[in-house]
Amino acid sequence: MKKVFTYLLLILAAQLSLLSCSDDKVDGAVFSLKSGTEEISQLSFAYGEAYVLLALSSNTDWTLTSDQPWCELSNVAGTPVEVQYIKLTVAYNTGDQNRTATLTFNAGGNIKRYQVVQDSKSGTTCPAGMEQDAIDVVKSIRMGWNLGNTLESIGGETAWGNPVTTREMIEGVKAQGFNAVRIPCSWNQYLDGDGRITDEWMNHVKEIVDYCVDAGMYAIVNIHWDNGWQDESCDASALSEDEIAQVESKVADMWTQIANAFIDYDGHLLFAGANEPAVSCREDMQVLKRYEQAFVDAVRATGGNNAYRNLIVQGPSTNIDYTDLWMDMPMDAAPARLLAEVHYYSPFNFCINDDVTTCTYFWGEPYAEYGTLDEGFQEDYVLSQFAKMKARFVDRGIPVILGEFGATLRELEDAELQEKHLESVGYFMGYVTEQAKNYGLAPFVWDTGGLYDRYTFEMKNASIYNQMMAGADNGQYPF
């Protein structure tokens, strides 16, 4: 009898539970999750970090959850809404197998479920020579060097005091232990009356890229300052929609020309969309993002190897803090082929300031006894800044290019202090190089002729060079 009574109680409890669930469910709930205009049932992604905007609508309170940490949602709950855009982001798939996440959409107790499927890298095929994705390339970069104040010089290659670039010069860079060259380029001054880049200039840039590739080095070609037509056209408060659209169109047109000219080059060549775009707020970043999307779309549209080429997009003002706060990577059909770029010139008084009354001559704890240090901008600051880039990008499978860093060489009357100053600069260069690599940033030292002699093909200061290369060897990428 006791068993029968217990059984009846269980049946009653189950019926009450069902009745309770039925009472909690909102009748007449209308809800949907769309990609574009179509209701989704499944989303598919390649193995790289990527995102999609989904249009959510519901006439009742709702929740949207993912059962996998690699599949993230920008919003997970809300009130009735006609349309709300949800950003779904999938992280880089480091595994050897495809993976699946389930989204659960609960609208007033009414449930819909969707599958998110992501491929593994092992299932991706690329043309010969284009196998390396962004992480593969960065893992291969020991140390990078900038061909500064040369091809980006306004007035011609030698206008800012450097000689014409030669094969011997680039081979000398390789002999000094660098295996990647960032080639800042001007293009606007070499346009003809129809907006076409002249064959003479395009062929010369290709010639220098060939020097790098033939030496087994990576090469980065960008649109540098270029009289500011792009870098200084991000002010959302000052530019009209028409002015922004004109720059956007010019970005697309110029990169279409460049990409077509280099379409057959293999993965040793990377493109970078800009240099240091002047962005000072979130609204400016939205303007820059349009230019960066135009850059990516234009290159991909040319097809061939460019459909897989690794592309570099710049953070706002290439400032680490701004980049951490505001940057959102453009969309890209190619998996895991985007890199972010920032620069590092902190502290200002040590790295850039040329006013002898306010500049500082020493950096780092070992050199505190020799002169004033910029408080708050020493070793711990380097670590905190690079940690931001690791958390913001590297941990999501997006490596970062430290496209420029360096410090000004100064002259002191006291011979001993002069020697310590140069040692301190070397310590800075070595420390930044090592920690950049430790946090997933590929280091490219900025040089306009002060470090590497472009006539003798030797390094000018052994202390600075040796400390920098020791940093390159000691640093270990976290992937």
Protein backbone atom coordinates (compact mmCIF):
# COMPACT_ATOMS: atom_id res chain seq x y z
CA MET A 1 0.00 0.00 0.00
CA LYS A 2 2.88 2.34 0.88
CA LYS A 3 4.44 1.76 -2.54
CA VAL A 4 1.15 2.54 -4.31
CA PHE A 5 0.71 5.74 -2.30
CA THR A 6 4.25 6.86 -3.10
CA TYR A 7 3.63 6.14 -6.79
CA LEU A 8 0.42 8.23 -6.77
CA LEU A 9 2.27 11.12 -5.11
CA LEU A 10 4.97 11.03 -7.82
CA ILE A 11 2.30 11.11 -10.55
CA LEU A 12 0.56 14.03 -8.86
CA ALA A 13 3.86 15.92 -8.48
CA ALA A 14 4.66 15.39 -12.16
CA GLN A 15 1.23 16.64 -13.20
CA LEU A 16 1.58 19.71 -10.99
CA SER A 17 5.03 20.34 -12.48
CA LEU A 18 3.66 20.18 -16.01
CA LEU A 19 0.78 22.45 -15.08
CA SER A 20 3.22 24.90 -13.50
CA CYS A 21 5.42 24.91 -16.64
CA SER A 22 2.36 25.45 -18.78
CA ASP A 23 1.28 28.34 -16.58
CA ASP A 24 4.78 29.96 -16.83
CA LYS A 25 4.89 29.77 -20.62
CA VAL A 26 3.71 32.96 -22.34
CA ASP A 27 1.03 32.24 -24.93
CA GLY A 28 1.29 33.97 -28.28
CA ALA A 29 5.04 34.55 -28.04
CA VAL A 30 6.50 35.64 -31.38
CA PHE A 31 10.30 35.62 -31.53
CA SER A 32 13.02 35.12 -34.10
CA LEU A 33 16.78 35.25 -34.65
CA LYS A 34 17.81 36.26 -38.15
CA SER A 35 20.99 36.65 -40.14
CA GLY A 36 20.10 39.24 -42.74
CA THR A 37 16.47 38.59 -43.58
CA GLU A 38 16.48 34.82 -43.01
CA GLU A 39 15.63 33.01 -39.80
CA ILE A 40 18.66 30.94 -38.82
CA SER A 41 18.77 27.29 -37.88
CA GLN A 42 22.53 26.81 -38.02
CA LEU A 43 25.57 29.07 -38.35
CA SER A 44 28.86 27.86 -39.81
CA PHE A 45 32.31 29.42 -39.34
CA ALA A 46 35.85 28.74 -40.46
CA TYR A 47 38.48 28.13 -37.78
CA GLY A 48 39.55 31.75 -37.21
CA GLU A 49 38.10 34.34 -34.86
CA ALA A 50 34.99 35.77 -36.51
CA TYR A 51 31.68 37.38 -35.74
CA VAL A 52 28.22 37.93 -37.15
CA LEU A 53 25.43 40.35 -36.25
CA LEU A 54 22.10 38.66 -35.62
CA ALA A 55 18.76 40.47 -35.57
CA LEU A 56 16.73 39.37 -32.55
CA SER A 57 13.05 40.15 -32.10
CA SER A 58 10.64 39.10 -29.37
CA ASN A 59 7.26 40.26 -28.10
CA THR A 60 8.08 39.07 -24.57
CA ASP A 61 11.02 39.00 -22.15
CA TRP A 62 13.81 36.84 -23.50
CA THR A 63 17.16 35.18 -22.80
CA LEU A 64 19.75 33.94 -25.28
CA THR A 65 22.54 31.67 -24.07
CA SER A 66 25.46 29.72 -25.50
CA ASP A 67 26.62 26.46 -23.97
CA GLN A 68 30.26 26.89 -25.08
CA PRO A 69 32.75 29.55 -23.87
CA TRP A 70 34.31 29.90 -27.34
CA CYS A 71 30.96 31.09 -28.71
CA GLU A 72 30.15 34.45 -27.08
CA LEU A 73 27.07 36.67 -27.25
CA SER A 74 27.07 40.43 -26.74
CA ASN A 75 23.63 40.36 -25.05
CA VAL A 76 22.05 37.48 -23.17
CA ALA A 77 18.74 38.89 -21.87
CA GLY A 78 16.24 41.64 -22.58
CA THR A 79 12.69 42.90 -22.63
CA PRO A 80 10.25 42.85 -25.58
CA VAL A 81 11.91 44.39 -28.61
CA GLU A 82 11.04 44.82 -32.28
CA VAL A 83 14.68 44.33 -33.30
CA GLN A 84 17.95 44.19 -31.38
CA TYR A 85 21.30 43.30 -32.90
CA ILE A 86 23.28 40.62 -31.11
CA LYS A 87 26.96 40.16 -31.89
CA LEU A 88 27.96 36.50 -31.92
CA THR A 89 31.72 35.93 -31.80
CA VAL A 90 33.58 32.64 -32.18
CA ALA A 91 37.17 32.32 -30.99
CA TYR A 92 40.08 30.84 -32.94
CA ASN A 93 39.75 27.05 -32.98
CA THR A 94 43.14 25.73 -31.88
CA GLY A 95 41.97 22.12 -31.86
CA ASP A 96 42.21 19.45 -34.53
CA GLN A 97 38.47 18.79 -34.67
CA ASN A 98 35.38 20.71 -35.71
CA ARG A 99 33.29 21.89 -32.77
CA THR A 100 29.66 22.73 -32.09
CA ALA A 101 27.87 25.09 -29.72
CA THR A 102 24.14 25.33 -29.04
CA LEU A 103 22.28 28.62 -28.66
CA THR A 104 19.12 28.54 -26.58
CA PHE A 105 16.56 31.30 -27.19
CA ASN A 106 13.95 31.45 -24.42
CA ALA A 107 11.07 33.84 -25.03
CA GLY A 108 8.61 33.67 -22.18
CA GLY A 109 9.20 29.94 -21.65
CA ASN A 110 9.06 29.20 -25.38
CA ILE A 111 12.29 27.62 -26.57
CA LYS A 112 14.19 27.61 -29.85
CA ARG A 113 17.66 26.16 -30.30
CA TYR A 114 20.31 26.81 -32.94
CA GLN A 115 23.60 25.15 -33.75
CA VAL A 116 26.89 27.02 -34.27
CA VAL A 117 29.47 24.89 -36.08
CA GLN A 118 33.13 25.84 -36.44
CA ASP A 119 35.69 24.06 -38.62
CA SER A 120 39.17 23.07 -37.50
CA LYS A 121 42.31 24.43 -39.12
CA SER A 122 43.24 20.96 -40.32
CA GLY A 123 40.22 20.98 -42.60
CA THR A 124 41.24 24.21 -44.36
CA THR A 125 43.13 24.20 -47.66
CA CYS A 126 45.05 27.12 -49.18
CA PRO A 127 47.06 27.74 -52.34
CA ALA A 128 50.71 26.74 -52.27
CA GLY A 129 52.73 29.41 -50.53
CA MET A 130 49.76 30.82 -48.61
CA GLU A 131 49.49 28.17 -45.91
CA GLN A 132 50.63 30.39 -43.03
CA ASP A 133 47.86 32.24 -41.25
CA ALA A 134 48.42 35.31 -39.07
CA ILE A 135 49.63 33.37 -36.04
CA ASP A 136 51.94 31.21 -38.16
CA VAL A 137 53.56 34.31 -39.65
CA VAL A 138 54.10 36.04 -36.32
CA LYS A 139 55.56 32.86 -34.82
CA SER A 140 58.11 32.97 -37.64
CA ILE A 141 59.20 36.58 -37.07
CA ARG A 142 62.35 36.80 -35.00
CA MET A 143 62.77 40.57 -35.27
CA GLY A 144 61.44 43.22 -37.64
CA TRP A 145 63.03 46.39 -39.03
CA ASN A 146 61.50 49.52 -40.56
CA LEU A 147 62.83 51.00 -43.79
CA GLY A 148 61.93 54.39 -42.32
CA ASN A 149 62.02 57.82 -44.00
CA THR A 150 62.48 56.24 -47.41
CA LEU A 151 59.61 55.12 -49.64
CA GLU A 152 57.17 57.20 -47.59
CA SER A 153 59.26 60.38 -48.03
CA ILE A 154 57.30 63.20 -49.63
CA GLY A 155 59.29 64.43 -52.58
CA GLY A 156 60.92 61.13 -53.47
CA GLU A 157 62.82 58.23 -51.94
CA THR A 158 65.90 60.25 -50.98
CA ALA A 159 64.08 63.48 -49.98
CA TRP A 160 64.39 62.81 -46.24
CA GLY A 161 68.10 62.03 -46.27
CA ASN A 162 68.34 58.32 -46.93
CA PRO A 163 69.92 56.65 -49.97
CA VAL A 164 68.11 54.68 -52.64
CA THR A 165 67.29 51.22 -51.32
CA THR A 166 69.46 48.46 -52.76
CA ARG A 167 69.52 44.69 -52.65
CA GLU A 168 72.78 44.83 -50.69
CA MET A 169 71.15 47.06 -48.08
CA ILE A 170 68.30 44.60 -47.49
CA GLU A 171 70.61 41.60 -47.51
CA GLY A 172 72.66 43.43 -44.88
CA VAL A 173 69.57 43.77 -42.73
CA LYS A 174 69.03 40.02 -43.04
CA ALA A 175 72.68 39.40 -42.12
CA GLN A 176 72.18 41.40 -38.92
CA GLY A 177 69.51 38.95 -37.77
CA PHE A 178 66.25 40.60 -38.89
CA ASN A 179 63.84 38.45 -40.85
CA ALA A 180 61.01 40.90 -41.53
CA VAL A 181 60.93 44.39 -43.06
CA ARG A 182 58.13 46.90 -42.72
CA ILE A 183 58.16 49.11 -45.82
CA PRO A 184 56.35 52.42 -45.16
CA CYS A 185 55.07 53.68 -48.51
CA SER A 186 53.66 56.85 -50.02
CA TRP A 187 51.35 56.40 -53.00
CA ASN A 188 49.30 59.55 -53.43
CA GLN A 189 52.17 61.60 -54.87
CA TYR A 190 52.68 58.92 -57.54
CA LEU A 191 49.14 58.98 -58.96
CA ASP A 192 48.62 60.08 -62.55
CA GLY A 193 45.77 62.30 -63.71
CA ASP A 194 43.37 59.36 -63.75
CA GLY A 195 44.16 58.29 -60.18
CA ARG A 196 46.37 55.40 -61.32
CA ILE A 197 49.62 54.59 -59.51
CA THR A 198 52.39 55.02 -62.07
CA ASP A 199 54.07 51.87 -63.36
CA GLU A 200 57.45 53.34 -62.45
CA TRP A 201 56.58 53.66 -58.78
CA MET A 202 54.72 50.37 -58.51
CA ASN A 203 57.64 48.54 -60.09
CA HIS A 204 60.08 50.20 -57.70
CA VAL A 205 58.08 49.12 -54.65
CA LYS A 206 57.91 45.61 -56.10
CA GLU A 207 61.66 45.68 -56.61
CA ILE A 208 62.23 46.32 -52.88
CA VAL A 209 59.67 43.71 -51.86
CA ASP A 210 61.58 41.29 -54.09
CA TYR A 211 64.80 42.08 -52.23
CA CYS A 212 63.09 41.04 -49.00
CA VAL A 213 61.31 37.94 -50.32
CA ASP A 214 64.39 36.75 -52.21
CA ALA A 215 66.31 36.94 -48.92
CA GLY A 216 63.66 34.75 -47.25
CA MET A 217 62.26 37.64 -45.25
CA TYR A 218 58.70 38.78 -44.62
CA ALA A 219 57.71 42.17 -46.06
CA ILE A 220 54.91 44.52 -45.00
CA VAL A 221 53.71 47.13 -47.48
CA ASN A 222 51.42 49.85 -46.15
CA ILE A 223 49.90 53.19 -46.99
CA HIS A 224 51.89 55.38 -44.63
CA TRP A 225 51.13 59.00 -43.74
CA ASP A 226 51.00 59.83 -47.47
CA ASN A 227 50.28 63.54 -46.82
CA GLY A 228 47.52 62.50 -44.45
CA TRP A 229 44.73 61.91 -46.98
CA GLN A 230 43.60 58.80 -45.04
CA ASP A 231 45.30 58.98 -41.63
CA GLU A 232 43.99 62.47 -40.98
CA SER A 233 40.47 61.85 -42.30
CA CYS A 234 38.90 60.15 -39.30
CA ASP A 235 37.39 63.14 -37.46
CA ALA A 236 33.70 62.24 -37.27
CA SER A 237 32.78 65.69 -35.93
CA ALA A 238 34.37 67.57 -38.84
CA LEU A 239 33.79 65.36 -41.88
CA SER A 240 30.58 65.10 -43.85
CA GLU A 241 29.20 61.76 -45.00
CA ASP A 242 30.23 62.62 -48.55
CA GLU A 243 33.81 63.38 -47.50
CA ILE A 244 34.07 60.11 -45.58
CA ALA A 245 32.63 58.20 -48.54
CA GLN A 246 35.19 59.78 -50.88
CA VAL A 247 38.10 58.65 -48.68
CA GLU A 248 36.51 55.21 -48.33
CA SER A 249 36.28 54.93 -52.11
CA LYS A 250 39.88 56.05 -52.55
CA VAL A 251 41.06 53.45 -50.03
CA ALA A 252 39.26 50.74 -52.00
CA ASP A 253 40.58 51.98 -55.34
CA MET A 254 44.19 52.31 -54.21
CA TRP A 255 44.27 48.91 -52.53
CA THR A 256 42.68 47.30 -55.56
CA GLN A 257 45.59 48.59 -57.63
CA ILE A 258 48.24 47.54 -55.11
CA ALA A 259 46.68 44.13 -54.52
CA ASN A 260 46.43 43.37 -58.23
CA ALA A 261 50.07 44.32 -58.72
CA PHE A 262 51.17 41.85 -56.01
CA ILE A 263 48.52 39.17 -56.57
CA ASP A 264 51.01 36.40 -57.32
CA TYR A 265 53.30 37.03 -54.32
CA ASP A 266 53.20 34.34 -51.66
CA GLY A 267 52.58 34.64 -47.95
CA HIS A 268 55.89 36.37 -47.25
CA LEU A 269 54.12 39.60 -48.27
CA LEU A 270 51.60 41.24 -45.96
CA PHE A 271 49.55 44.39 -46.50
CA ALA A 272 48.85 47.03 -43.85
CA GLY A 273 45.99 49.43 -44.49
CA ALA A 274 47.33 52.61 -42.88
CA ASN A 275 49.97 53.94 -40.46
CA GLU A 276 48.84 56.02 -37.48
CA PRO A 277 45.20 57.02 -38.17
CA ALA A 278 44.32 60.06 -36.07
CA VAL A 279 41.45 58.84 -33.89
CA SER A 280 40.55 60.43 -30.56
CA CYS A 281 37.11 59.03 -29.71
CA ARG A 282 34.77 56.13 -30.34
CA GLU A 283 32.95 58.01 -33.12
CA ASP A 284 36.24 58.56 -34.97
CA MET A 285 36.90 54.84 -34.68
CA GLN A 286 33.69 54.11 -36.56
CA VAL A 287 35.01 56.21 -39.45
CA LEU A 288 38.35 54.39 -39.37
CA LYS A 289 36.54 51.06 -39.33
CA ARG A 290 34.87 51.96 -42.62
CA TYR A 291 38.29 52.56 -44.19
CA GLU A 292 39.64 49.32 -42.74
CA GLN A 293 36.68 47.35 -44.03
CA ALA A 294 37.16 48.94 -47.47
CA PHE A 295 40.83 47.88 -47.35
CA VAL A 296 40.03 44.28 -46.46
CA ASP A 297 37.19 43.98 -48.96
CA ALA A 298 39.22 45.49 -51.80
CA VAL A 299 42.16 43.14 -51.29
CA ARG A 300 39.97 40.05 -50.98
CA ALA A 301 37.97 40.98 -54.09
CA THR A 302 41.08 40.74 -56.28
CA GLY A 303 41.18 36.99 -55.62
CA GLY A 304 44.15 34.71 -56.19
CA ASN A 305 46.65 34.71 -53.35
CA ASN A 306 45.09 37.92 -52.05
CA ALA A 307 42.04 35.94 -50.96
CA TYR A 308 44.32 34.41 -48.31
CA ARG A 309 46.90 37.15 -47.73
CA ASN A 310 47.49 38.20 -44.13
CA LEU A 311 46.28 41.77 -43.62
CA ILE A 312 47.13 44.23 -40.84
CA VAL A 313 44.66 46.81 -39.54
CA GLN A 314 45.73 49.69 -37.32
CA GLY A 315 44.39 50.51 -33.90
CA PRO A 316 43.11 54.09 -33.35
CA SER A 317 46.21 56.31 -33.47
CA THR A 318 48.06 52.98 -32.97
CA ASN A 319 47.65 53.90 -29.30
CA ILE A 320 47.40 50.88 -27.03
CA ASP A 321 44.87 52.41 -24.63
CA TYR A 322 42.61 53.66 -27.42
CA THR A 323 42.91 50.33 -29.22
CA ASP A 324 41.96 48.42 -26.09
CA LEU A 325 38.91 50.64 -25.56
CA TRP A 326 37.52 51.18 -29.03
CA MET A 327 38.88 48.86 -31.69
CA ASP A 328 36.69 46.28 -33.36
CA MET A 329 38.25 44.21 -36.12
CA PRO A 330 36.66 44.35 -39.58
CA MET A 331 34.86 41.36 -41.00
CA ASP A 332 36.90 39.04 -43.20
CA ALA A 333 35.90 36.05 -45.28
CA ALA A 334 39.38 34.56 -44.92
CA PRO A 335 39.85 32.70 -41.63
CA ALA A 336 42.56 33.82 -39.19
CA ARG A 337 44.22 36.20 -41.66
CA LEU A 338 43.89 39.52 -39.79
CA LEU A 339 46.43 41.16 -37.48
CA ALA A 340 46.10 44.29 -35.37
CA GLU A 341 48.83 46.94 -35.22
CA VAL A 342 49.91 49.30 -32.45
CA HIS A 343 53.05 51.39 -31.85
CA TYR A 344 55.02 52.02 -28.65
CA TYR A 345 56.85 55.26 -27.84
CA SER A 346 56.42 55.53 -24.08
CA PRO A 347 57.55 57.45 -22.15
CA PHE A 348 57.34 60.43 -24.49
CA ASN A 349 60.14 62.32 -22.78
CA PHE A 350 62.58 59.45 -23.24
CA CYS A 351 61.46 58.14 -26.63
CA ILE A 352 60.47 61.20 -28.67
CA ASN A 353 60.83 64.55 -26.89
CA ASP A 354 63.66 66.54 -28.49
CA ASP A 355 63.50 69.45 -26.02
CA VAL A 356 66.73 69.17 -24.00
CA THR A 357 65.15 71.07 -21.11
CA THR A 358 62.36 68.53 -20.55
CA CYS A 359 63.54 65.26 -22.13
CA THR A 360 64.90 62.39 -20.07
CA TYR A 361 68.08 60.46 -20.86
CA PHE A 362 67.61 57.24 -18.93
CA TRP A 363 65.04 54.45 -18.69
CA GLY A 364 64.73 51.39 -16.53
CA GLU A 365 65.49 50.42 -12.95
CA PRO A 366 69.21 49.66 -13.60
CA TYR A 367 69.73 53.27 -14.74
CA ALA A 368 67.78 55.14 -12.06
CA GLU A 369 71.00 56.22 -10.37
CA TYR A 370 72.18 58.16 -13.43
CA GLY A 371 69.33 60.60 -13.90
CA THR A 372 65.62 61.29 -13.82
CA LEU A 373 63.25 58.54 -14.90
CA ASP A 374 59.69 59.12 -16.13
CA GLU A 375 57.73 57.86 -13.15
CA GLY A 376 55.00 55.40 -13.99
CA PHE A 377 56.33 54.53 -17.45
CA GLN A 378 59.03 51.99 -16.70
CA GLU A 379 59.17 48.19 -16.85
CA ASP A 380 55.82 47.54 -15.16
CA TYR A 381 54.09 49.90 -17.57
CA VAL A 382 55.42 47.97 -20.57
CA LEU A 383 54.01 44.77 -19.11
CA SER A 384 50.62 46.31 -18.34
CA GLN A 385 50.29 47.79 -21.83
CA PHE A 386 51.25 44.63 -23.66
CA ALA A 387 48.97 42.60 -21.39
CA LYS A 388 46.06 44.69 -22.68
CA MET A 389 46.85 43.66 -26.25
CA LYS A 390 47.23 40.02 -25.26
CA ALA A 391 43.82 39.98 -23.56
CA ARG A 392 42.13 42.05 -26.27
CA PHE A 393 43.51 40.25 -29.33
CA VAL A 394 46.14 37.55 -28.85
CA ASP A 395 44.05 35.40 -26.52
CA ARG A 396 41.32 35.45 -29.19
CA GLY A 397 43.71 34.17 -31.86
CA ILE A 398 44.56 37.59 -33.34
CA PRO A 399 48.29 38.37 -33.22
CA VAL A 400 49.54 41.94 -33.05
CA ILE A 401 52.24 43.78 -34.95
CA LEU A 402 54.23 46.24 -32.85
CA GLY A 403 54.81 48.19 -36.04
CA GLU A 404 57.07 50.85 -34.53
CA PHE A 405 58.99 51.38 -31.32
CA GLY A 406 62.22 53.11 -30.47
CA ALA A 407 63.98 55.82 -28.45
CA THR A 408 65.88 58.96 -29.40
CA LEU A 409 69.67 58.84 -29.17
CA ARG A 410 70.95 61.96 -27.40
CA GLU A 411 74.34 63.54 -26.76
CA LEU A 412 75.63 64.37 -23.27
CA GLU A 413 78.85 66.22 -22.53
CA ASP A 414 79.87 63.80 -19.78
CA ALA A 415 81.47 60.75 -21.46
CA GLU A 416 80.46 58.32 -18.72
CA LEU A 417 76.85 59.52 -18.74
CA GLN A 418 76.81 59.33 -22.54
CA GLU A 419 77.85 55.70 -22.38
CA LYS A 420 75.19 54.97 -19.75
CA HIS A 421 72.58 56.76 -21.85
CA LEU A 422 73.30 54.51 -24.83
CA GLU A 423 73.23 51.46 -22.58
CA SER A 424 69.88 52.61 -21.22
CA VAL A 425 68.47 52.99 -24.73
CA GLY A 426 69.67 49.47 -25.47
CA TYR A 427 68.06 48.21 -22.29
CA PHE A 428 64.77 49.81 -23.32
CA MET A 429 64.96 48.32 -26.82
CA GLY A 430 65.81 44.87 -25.50
CA TYR A 431 63.14 44.93 -22.82
CA VAL A 432 60.39 46.09 -25.17
CA THR A 433 61.43 43.54 -27.79
CA GLU A 434 61.45 40.64 -25.35
CA GLN A 435 58.17 41.51 -23.67
CA ALA A 436 56.43 42.24 -26.96
CA LYS A 437 57.14 38.70 -28.07
CA ASN A 438 56.15 37.26 -24.68
CA TYR A 439 52.72 38.88 -25.05
CA GLY A 440 52.18 37.97 -28.72
CA LEU A 441 53.32 41.17 -30.47
CA ALA A 442 55.84 40.95 -33.33
CA PRO A 443 58.43 43.74 -32.76
CA PHE A 444 59.50 46.07 -35.60
CA VAL A 445 62.09 48.65 -34.55
CA TRP A 446 61.69 52.11 -36.11
CA ASP A 447 64.90 53.17 -37.87
CA THR A 448 65.55 56.14 -40.12
CA GLY A 449 69.29 55.53 -40.31
CA GLY A 450 70.35 55.91 -36.70
CA LEU A 451 70.66 52.20 -35.94
CA TYR A 452 71.60 50.48 -39.19
CA ASP A 453 74.14 52.11 -41.49
CA ARG A 454 72.68 51.96 -44.99
CA TYR A 455 76.08 52.53 -46.59
CA THR A 456 78.29 50.06 -44.67
CA PHE A 457 75.46 47.62 -43.87
CA GLU A 458 76.53 47.43 -40.23
CA MET A 459 74.83 48.35 -36.95
CA LYS A 460 76.04 51.67 -35.57
CA ASN A 461 75.92 50.89 -31.84
CA ALA A 462 76.89 47.45 -30.61
CA SER A 463 75.38 47.90 -27.13
CA ILE A 464 71.94 48.84 -28.42
CA TYR A 465 71.99 46.17 -31.11
CA ASN A 466 73.18 43.36 -28.84
CA GLN A 467 70.60 44.11 -26.14
CA MET A 468 67.82 44.31 -28.69
CA MET A 469 68.74 41.00 -30.30
CA ALA A 470 69.11 39.36 -26.90
CA GLY A 471 65.54 40.47 -26.24
CA ALA A 472 64.48 38.97 -29.56
CA ASP A 473 66.04 35.64 -28.63
CA ASN A 474 64.75 35.62 -25.04
CA GLY A 475 61.19 36.54 -25.92
CA GLN A 476 58.85 33.63 -26.61
CA TYR A 477 55.49 34.06 -28.33
CA PRO A 478 52.57 32.63 -26.30
CA PHE A 479 51.23 30.57 -29.20
